[in-house]
Each structure stands twice: as C-alpha cells, then as structure tokens.
C-alpha cells in the first residue's frame, strides 16, 4: 500500500517486472486508465477514491516496458464525466491510443462529436454502487441511441446483478463490451453459476464483447492466478472473436496489494494458449473495435464486423 501526496493513494507498483511473454506485434492494452495530473484535471467532487497522479507519460512508459503498441484508455470514475484527462492522454499518444468516455446523459450532439474527434469510441456505464451514486438506466439508453456511428457501450457490473440488468442490457442498441467479465466468482470454476449466467448473456447476441481481465482483482489466491486461468481460458476458446485484454493499470482501488504488471501479462499465454488466440485477443479484436478505419484499409471492409480479422 502507498499513500502520500496529501493522503492520496497509489495503487500501482513503481517497479513492474519485465514479462517473460513476448507480445505479438501490434498488441493493444484495451483497458487502462489515467489519473490526472490533478493540477491540470481535478478529480470529481463525487470521487470515491483520490489517487496519486498517474498521467500519460507513466502509462506510455509502462506500455513500452511491457511491449504493447497501443492503449485503450477508459475514463476513470474519479474523474466523473470530465473526460479531459482521457482526451489529453489520447492526444499525447501520437495516434496510439483511443478511449472510452463517461458522459452526462444530457450530453449534446456537438459534444459527442468533439469526443469522437478526440479519439473516443465508446461510453461506459458503471453499476458498481461503491464507485457511483446513480446509474439511470433510462437515461443511459437514451444516450446509447445517440452515439456516433461505430461507437459501443462498455458496462461494468458485478455478477449478482446480471439478471436484474438483463432488460437494460438487451435494450442497448449498439455493441456491448463487458468489463472484467461482469466480475464472476471465479472460485466456482468455468462451470459455476456466475460463469454459466454470463455465457447465457453472451449467447443472446453476437455483438457482446468481453474483457478477460483482472486476475489480480478476481483471484483472491493471487499469483500465479490458477483459479482465474481455469475459469477464463474456456471463454477465450469459445468466443475467440469477442474477447479483449487489458492491464487495468493503474489498478484503481487495489492499493492493499500492488499488482505486478509484468506478472499479469504473463497470465496471457495461460488463458490464450495458441498464437492465433493471442493474436485475436491482443491485436485483431481490439483493432476492429477501436481502429476500425485501419482494418478497412487492410481489406476488411466487406466482412461483417463480428468476424475475426484475417481468419
């Protein structure tokens, strides 16, 4: 655990290991965040946690250290609906980052267009009560109907409310990306009730994607994250065109045991065991979702979006 900077919390290690796993060329870290810097981008008055600064320079240094080519930066809840920190990081990435915003449901078309121009390609709806005070489903759906072409909705929820959320989730009119698999109890194994319910949801539509992320959050036994591997590998085998991976750096609210980012990367070949699975998970899938114009230039224009690129 690390505090300081006026009792602000650091939830990431300053000395991540170098992973043994060599990522495929063009690999995308499809779930990470930036915090501040606070002097330029103050945290929301409603923030449930106050982190130390973790700005774009630190994120991009980690990207190089781990071997990734690109990032997808997801708006952190501590910044509320002020997306300036995320947009700033995208602008500083040299075209190597895209983003997911959190927006006020009353957002106008002009502001949505500005977010698109700034590299945003989706909006996030957060249903974790410990992180947000209100999650107005009707207003979220209204926003989802007005998103720019090619955008998607990212949803973050815990497994125990999946059934309650199904009518809302089923009504979302654009592709859906589920953060951290809906936080199942992975101790139940791949055939446990949480994972079975999540698979039922995945099977309900072909445009539901899933981030196979966060062994450090979901596996209480810690490294080498054996329960996580056993529960998640079948998802990657059975839904190869719809899986994504991300580091979750700087690991919001994980300050009690600082995750080792290199060790988290080394879980990848255990859940995606073949080069083809790794390529889809880390390259072709996130590229189709976040850099669709580049996959079009590479000859994918006439293929349905849900088919694996280059298969």
Protein backbone atom coordinates (compact mmCIF):
# COMPACT_ATOMS: atom_id res chain seq x y z
CA UNK A 1 0.00 0.00 0.00
CA UNK A 2 1.22 3.50 -0.70
CA UNK A 3 -0.20 6.81 0.45
CA UNK A 4 1.17 10.30 0.27
CA UNK A 5 0.64 13.41 -1.84
CA UNK A 6 -1.89 14.68 0.72
CA UNK A 7 -3.18 11.22 1.70
CA UNK A 8 -3.82 10.32 -1.93
CA UNK A 9 -3.41 6.64 -2.71
CA UNK A 10 -1.03 4.88 -5.09
CA UNK A 11 -2.44 1.56 -6.33
CA UNK A 12 0.32 0.58 -8.78
CA UNK A 13 3.88 -0.62 -8.35
CA UNK A 14 6.74 1.63 -9.37
CA UNK A 15 8.85 -1.41 -10.27
CA UNK A 16 6.83 -3.74 -12.53
CA UNK A 17 8.68 -6.83 -13.69
CA UNK A 18 9.53 -7.40 -17.32
CA UNK A 19 7.15 -10.07 -18.63
CA UNK A 20 8.55 -13.31 -19.99
CA UNK A 21 5.76 -13.50 -22.56
CA UNK A 22 6.61 -11.71 -25.81
CA UNK A 23 3.50 -9.98 -27.10
CA UNK A 24 2.54 -10.28 -30.76
CA UNK A 25 3.37 -7.24 -32.92
CA UNK A 26 0.69 -4.57 -32.67
CA UNK A 27 -0.67 -5.75 -29.29
CA UNK A 28 -3.26 -3.47 -27.68
CA UNK A 29 -3.75 -2.91 -23.96
CA UNK A 30 -7.52 -2.48 -24.26
CA UNK A 31 -8.31 -1.45 -20.68
CA UNK A 32 -6.23 1.08 -18.77
CA UNK A 33 -6.75 4.48 -17.16
CA UNK A 34 -5.07 7.76 -16.34
CA UNK A 35 -5.39 9.75 -13.12
CA UNK A 36 -4.89 13.48 -13.53
CA UNK A 37 -2.46 15.07 -13.17
CA UNK A 38 -4.69 16.69 -10.60
CA UNK A 39 -3.20 20.15 -11.11
CA UNK A 40 -4.47 20.11 -14.68
CA UNK A 41 -7.50 17.83 -14.39
CA UNK A 42 -9.08 17.95 -10.91
CA UNK A 43 -10.91 14.92 -9.61
CA UNK A 44 -14.67 14.89 -9.34
CA UNK A 45 -16.24 16.15 -6.13
CA UNK A 46 -18.13 12.83 -6.10
CA UNK A 47 -14.99 10.69 -6.43
CA UNK A 48 -14.97 7.64 -4.15
CA UNK A 49 -11.17 7.42 -4.18
CA UNK A 50 -8.38 10.01 -4.51
CA UNK A 51 -5.36 8.56 -6.30
CA UNK A 52 -1.93 9.97 -6.82
CA UNK A 53 -1.22 11.24 -10.31
CA UNK A 54 -0.82 8.55 -12.96
CA UNK A 55 -0.65 10.52 -16.17
CA UNK A 56 0.00 9.66 -19.80
CA UNK A 57 3.79 9.72 -19.53
CA UNK A 58 3.69 6.97 -16.90
CA UNK A 59 1.13 4.98 -18.90
CA UNK A 60 3.14 5.13 -22.10
CA UNK A 61 6.37 4.24 -20.29
CA UNK A 62 4.63 1.14 -18.95
CA UNK A 63 3.33 0.35 -22.44
CA UNK A 64 6.88 0.29 -23.77
CA UNK A 65 8.13 -1.70 -20.78
CA UNK A 66 5.50 -4.40 -21.26
CA UNK A 67 5.75 -4.46 -25.06
CA UNK A 68 2.37 -3.10 -26.15
CA UNK A 69 1.88 -0.98 -29.25
CA UNK A 70 -1.37 0.80 -28.34
CA UNK A 71 -3.71 1.63 -25.47
CA UNK A 72 -7.44 1.98 -24.96
CA UNK A 73 -7.88 4.47 -22.13
CA UNK A 74 -11.09 4.07 -20.15
CA UNK A 75 -12.32 7.10 -18.23
CA UNK A 76 -11.66 6.53 -14.53
CA UNK A 77 -14.59 7.06 -12.16
CA UNK A 78 -12.55 9.50 -10.07
CA UNK A 79 -12.83 12.00 -12.94
CA UNK A 80 -16.60 11.68 -13.25
CA UNK A 81 -17.91 12.97 -16.58
CA UNK A 82 -14.99 15.36 -17.13
CA UNK A 83 -13.10 13.49 -19.86
CA UNK A 84 -10.29 15.99 -20.29
CA UNK A 85 -7.62 13.79 -18.71
CA UNK A 86 -8.51 10.89 -21.01
CA UNK A 87 -8.61 13.17 -24.07
CA UNK A 88 -5.27 14.70 -23.09
CA UNK A 89 -3.67 11.26 -22.88
CA UNK A 90 -5.09 10.25 -26.26
CA UNK A 91 -3.79 13.48 -27.81
CA UNK A 92 -0.31 12.81 -26.42
CA UNK A 93 -0.23 9.22 -27.68
CA UNK A 94 0.71 10.01 -31.28
CA UNK A 95 -2.27 8.08 -32.62
CA UNK A 96 -1.52 5.06 -30.46
CA UNK A 97 -4.47 5.43 -28.08
CA UNK A 98 -8.24 5.53 -28.25
CA UNK A 99 -10.67 5.99 -25.41
CA UNK A 100 -13.94 5.26 -23.66
CA UNK A 101 -15.73 8.20 -22.04
CA UNK A 102 -18.14 8.65 -19.17
CA UNK A 103 -20.77 11.22 -20.12
CA UNK A 104 -23.61 13.17 -18.61
CA UNK A 105 -26.83 11.69 -20.01
CA UNK A 106 -27.79 15.19 -21.17
CA UNK A 107 -24.73 15.44 -23.44
CA UNK A 108 -25.42 17.13 -26.78
CA UNK A 109 -24.56 16.05 -30.30
CA UNK A 110 -21.82 18.64 -30.65
CA UNK A 111 -20.01 17.40 -27.56
CA UNK A 112 -20.34 13.79 -28.69
CA UNK A 113 -18.80 14.82 -31.98
CA UNK A 114 -15.92 16.52 -30.19
CA UNK A 115 -15.30 13.36 -28.17
CA UNK A 116 -15.23 11.33 -31.39
CA UNK A 117 -12.73 13.74 -32.92
CA UNK A 118 -10.62 13.37 -29.79
CA UNK A 119 -10.41 9.59 -30.18
CA UNK A 120 -13.30 8.37 -28.04
CA UNK A 121 -15.08 5.30 -29.42
CA UNK A 122 -17.44 4.31 -26.63
CA UNK A 123 -19.18 5.30 -23.41
CA UNK A 124 -19.03 3.49 -20.08
CA UNK A 125 -21.99 2.79 -17.82
CA UNK A 126 -20.89 1.87 -14.31
CA UNK A 127 -23.20 -0.06 -11.97
CA UNK A 128 -20.82 -0.57 -9.04
CA UNK A 129 -22.51 1.21 -6.18
CA UNK A 130 -19.26 1.69 -4.31
CA UNK A 131 -17.97 3.78 -7.24
CA UNK A 132 -21.03 5.70 -8.46
CA UNK A 133 -24.06 7.17 -6.71
CA UNK A 134 -26.56 6.87 -9.54
CA UNK A 135 -26.93 4.75 -12.68
CA UNK A 136 -30.08 5.91 -14.50
CA UNK A 137 -30.86 3.12 -16.95
CA UNK A 138 -33.48 5.02 -18.97
CA UNK A 139 -31.15 7.96 -19.49
CA UNK A 140 -28.27 5.65 -20.37
CA UNK A 141 -30.40 4.05 -23.08
CA UNK A 142 -31.30 7.46 -24.47
CA UNK A 143 -27.60 8.31 -24.75
CA UNK A 144 -26.85 4.95 -26.37
CA UNK A 145 -29.37 5.73 -29.12
CA UNK A 146 -27.50 8.94 -29.98
CA UNK A 147 -23.92 7.68 -30.10
CA UNK A 148 -21.78 8.40 -33.16
CA UNK A 149 -21.54 5.64 -35.77
CA UNK A 150 -19.12 2.89 -34.81
CA UNK A 151 -19.28 3.50 -31.05
CA UNK A 152 -20.15 0.91 -28.43
CA UNK A 153 -21.23 0.80 -24.79
CA UNK A 154 -18.98 -0.52 -22.03
CA UNK A 155 -20.79 -1.83 -18.94
CA UNK A 156 -19.28 -2.52 -15.54
CA UNK A 157 -21.30 -4.58 -13.09
CA UNK A 158 -20.94 -7.42 -10.62
CA UNK A 159 -22.29 -10.91 -11.23
CA UNK A 160 -25.02 -10.73 -8.62
CA UNK A 161 -26.95 -8.07 -10.58
CA UNK A 162 -26.61 -9.53 -14.08
CA UNK A 163 -30.13 -10.95 -14.12
CA UNK A 164 -31.55 -7.66 -12.86
CA UNK A 165 -29.68 -5.79 -15.61
CA UNK A 166 -30.71 -8.07 -18.48
CA UNK A 167 -33.69 -5.99 -19.72
CA UNK A 168 -31.47 -2.91 -19.79
CA UNK A 169 -28.55 -4.72 -21.41
CA UNK A 170 -30.80 -6.33 -24.01
CA UNK A 171 -32.18 -2.91 -24.98
CA UNK A 172 -28.78 -1.34 -25.72
CA UNK A 173 -28.88 -0.70 -29.50
CA UNK A 174 -25.12 -0.82 -30.15
CA UNK A 175 -22.39 -3.37 -29.43
CA UNK A 176 -21.73 -4.01 -25.73
CA UNK A 177 -18.36 -4.59 -24.06
CA UNK A 178 -18.45 -6.10 -20.55
CA UNK A 179 -15.69 -5.05 -18.19
CA UNK A 180 -13.90 -7.84 -16.33
CA UNK A 181 -16.48 -10.49 -17.38
CA UNK A 182 -19.03 -8.97 -15.03
CA UNK A 183 -16.83 -9.85 -12.05
CA UNK A 184 -17.79 -13.52 -11.62
CA UNK A 185 -16.83 -15.57 -8.59
CA UNK A 186 -14.08 -17.48 -10.36
CA UNK A 187 -13.67 -19.86 -7.43
CA UNK A 188 -16.81 -21.53 -8.82
CA UNK A 189 -14.77 -22.59 -11.87
CA UNK A 190 -15.70 -22.34 -15.55
CA UNK A 191 -18.96 -24.24 -14.99
CA UNK A 192 -20.06 -22.32 -11.91
CA UNK A 193 -23.35 -20.41 -11.77
CA UNK A 194 -21.79 -16.99 -12.34
CA UNK A 195 -19.96 -18.05 -15.48
CA UNK A 196 -22.94 -20.03 -16.78
CA UNK A 197 -25.18 -16.97 -16.40
CA UNK A 198 -22.61 -14.81 -18.14
CA UNK A 199 -22.32 -17.28 -21.02
CA UNK A 200 -26.09 -17.23 -21.39
CA UNK A 201 -25.85 -13.47 -21.80
CA UNK A 202 -23.01 -13.77 -24.32
CA UNK A 203 -25.04 -16.28 -26.31
CA UNK A 204 -28.01 -13.91 -26.51
CA UNK A 205 -26.38 -11.57 -29.07
CA UNK A 206 -23.41 -11.73 -31.44
CA UNK A 207 -22.31 -8.18 -30.61
CA UNK A 208 -21.39 -8.66 -26.94
CA UNK A 209 -17.67 -8.45 -26.25
CA UNK A 210 -15.88 -9.33 -23.02
CA UNK A 211 -12.69 -8.13 -21.36
CA UNK A 212 -10.89 -11.18 -19.97
CA UNK A 213 -9.09 -9.03 -17.44
CA UNK A 214 -8.05 -8.53 -13.83
CA UNK A 215 -6.69 -11.74 -12.34
CA UNK A 216 -5.40 -9.50 -9.55
CA UNK A 217 -8.97 -8.39 -8.74
CA UNK A 218 -10.78 -11.65 -9.28
CA UNK A 219 -8.43 -14.33 -7.95
CA UNK A 220 -8.04 -13.89 -4.18
CA UNK A 221 -5.31 -16.53 -4.07
CA UNK A 222 -3.02 -14.18 -6.01
CA UNK A 223 -0.20 -15.24 -8.34
CA UNK A 224 0.01 -17.45 -10.32
CA UNK A 225 -3.78 -16.90 -10.56
CA UNK A 226 -4.66 -20.54 -11.17
CA UNK A 227 -8.39 -20.13 -10.48
CA UNK A 228 -8.56 -17.21 -12.90
CA UNK A 229 -6.83 -19.22 -15.61
CA UNK A 230 -9.14 -22.22 -15.21
CA UNK A 231 -12.27 -20.05 -15.31
CA UNK A 232 -11.27 -17.74 -18.16
CA UNK A 233 -9.48 -19.97 -20.68
CA UNK A 234 -12.75 -21.56 -21.90
CA UNK A 235 -14.19 -18.12 -22.67
CA UNK A 236 -11.30 -17.36 -24.99
CA UNK A 237 -11.61 -20.76 -26.62
CA UNK A 238 -15.38 -20.48 -27.15
CA UNK A 239 -15.73 -16.76 -28.04
CA UNK A 240 -12.47 -16.04 -29.88
CA UNK A 241 -13.76 -13.11 -31.96
CA UNK A 242 -15.25 -11.27 -28.98
CA UNK A 243 -12.54 -11.26 -26.32
CA UNK A 244 -10.29 -8.38 -25.30
CA UNK A 245 -7.48 -7.98 -22.77
CA UNK A 246 -6.25 -5.05 -20.71
CA UNK A 247 -3.83 -4.38 -17.89
CA UNK A 248 -6.25 -2.26 -15.80
CA UNK A 249 -3.28 -0.02 -14.91
CA UNK A 250 -3.10 1.90 -12.59
CA UNK A 251 -5.37 -0.62 -10.87
CA UNK A 252 -7.95 1.63 -9.14
CA UNK A 253 -8.63 0.67 -5.52
CA UNK A 254 -6.01 -2.10 -5.49
CA UNK A 255 -3.68 -0.34 -3.06
CA UNK A 256 -3.62 -3.08 -0.42
CA UNK A 257 -1.50 -5.39 -2.58
CA UNK A 258 0.13 -3.61 -5.52
CA UNK A 259 -0.26 -5.76 -8.66
CA UNK A 260 2.81 -6.60 -10.73
CA UNK A 261 2.01 -5.63 -14.32
CA UNK A 262 4.66 -7.91 -15.80
CA UNK A 263 3.24 -10.84 -13.88
CA UNK A 264 -0.26 -10.00 -15.12
CA UNK A 265 0.97 -10.01 -18.73
CA UNK A 266 2.49 -13.43 -18.12
CA UNK A 267 -1.00 -14.78 -17.44
CA UNK A 268 -1.96 -14.12 -21.09
CA UNK A 269 -0.40 -17.27 -22.62
CA UNK A 270 -2.12 -19.35 -19.95
CA UNK A 271 -5.60 -18.13 -20.94
CA UNK A 272 -4.87 -17.73 -24.68
CA UNK A 273 -2.67 -20.71 -25.31
CA UNK A 274 -2.16 -20.62 -29.08
CA UNK A 275 -0.60 -17.88 -31.23
CA UNK A 276 -3.90 -17.49 -33.08
CA UNK A 277 -5.84 -16.98 -29.84
CA UNK A 278 -3.23 -14.47 -28.68
CA UNK A 279 -3.37 -12.57 -31.98
CA UNK A 280 -7.14 -12.27 -31.82
CA UNK A 281 -7.21 -11.32 -28.14
CA UNK A 282 -4.47 -8.71 -28.37
CA UNK A 283 -4.45 -7.44 -31.95
CA UNK A 284 -7.27 -8.17 -34.37
CA UNK A 285 -10.19 -7.90 -31.95
CA UNK A 286 -9.26 -4.55 -30.34
CA UNK A 287 -8.21 -3.16 -33.69
CA UNK A 288 -11.64 -3.91 -35.18
CA UNK A 289 -13.37 -2.25 -32.26
CA UNK A 290 -11.18 0.84 -31.77
CA UNK A 291 -9.29 1.39 -35.02
CA UNK A 292 -11.93 0.17 -37.47
CA UNK A 293 -10.77 2.52 -40.19
CA UNK A 294 -7.38 0.79 -40.26
CA UNK A 295 -8.91 -2.66 -40.62
CA UNK A 296 -10.99 -1.28 -43.51
CA UNK A 297 -7.82 -0.07 -45.20
CA UNK A 298 -6.37 -3.54 -44.74
CA UNK A 299 -9.18 -5.11 -46.75
CA UNK A 300 -11.79 -5.94 -44.13
CA UNK A 301 -14.47 -3.55 -45.43
CA UNK A 302 -16.71 -6.24 -46.86
CA UNK A 303 -16.67 -8.53 -43.84
CA UNK A 304 -19.20 -8.49 -41.00
CA UNK A 305 -17.75 -6.63 -38.04
CA UNK A 306 -18.11 -9.65 -35.76
CA UNK A 307 -15.94 -11.94 -37.86
CA UNK A 308 -12.33 -12.34 -36.85
CA UNK A 309 -9.97 -10.21 -38.94
CA UNK A 310 -7.60 -12.20 -41.11
CA UNK A 311 -9.08 -15.63 -40.37
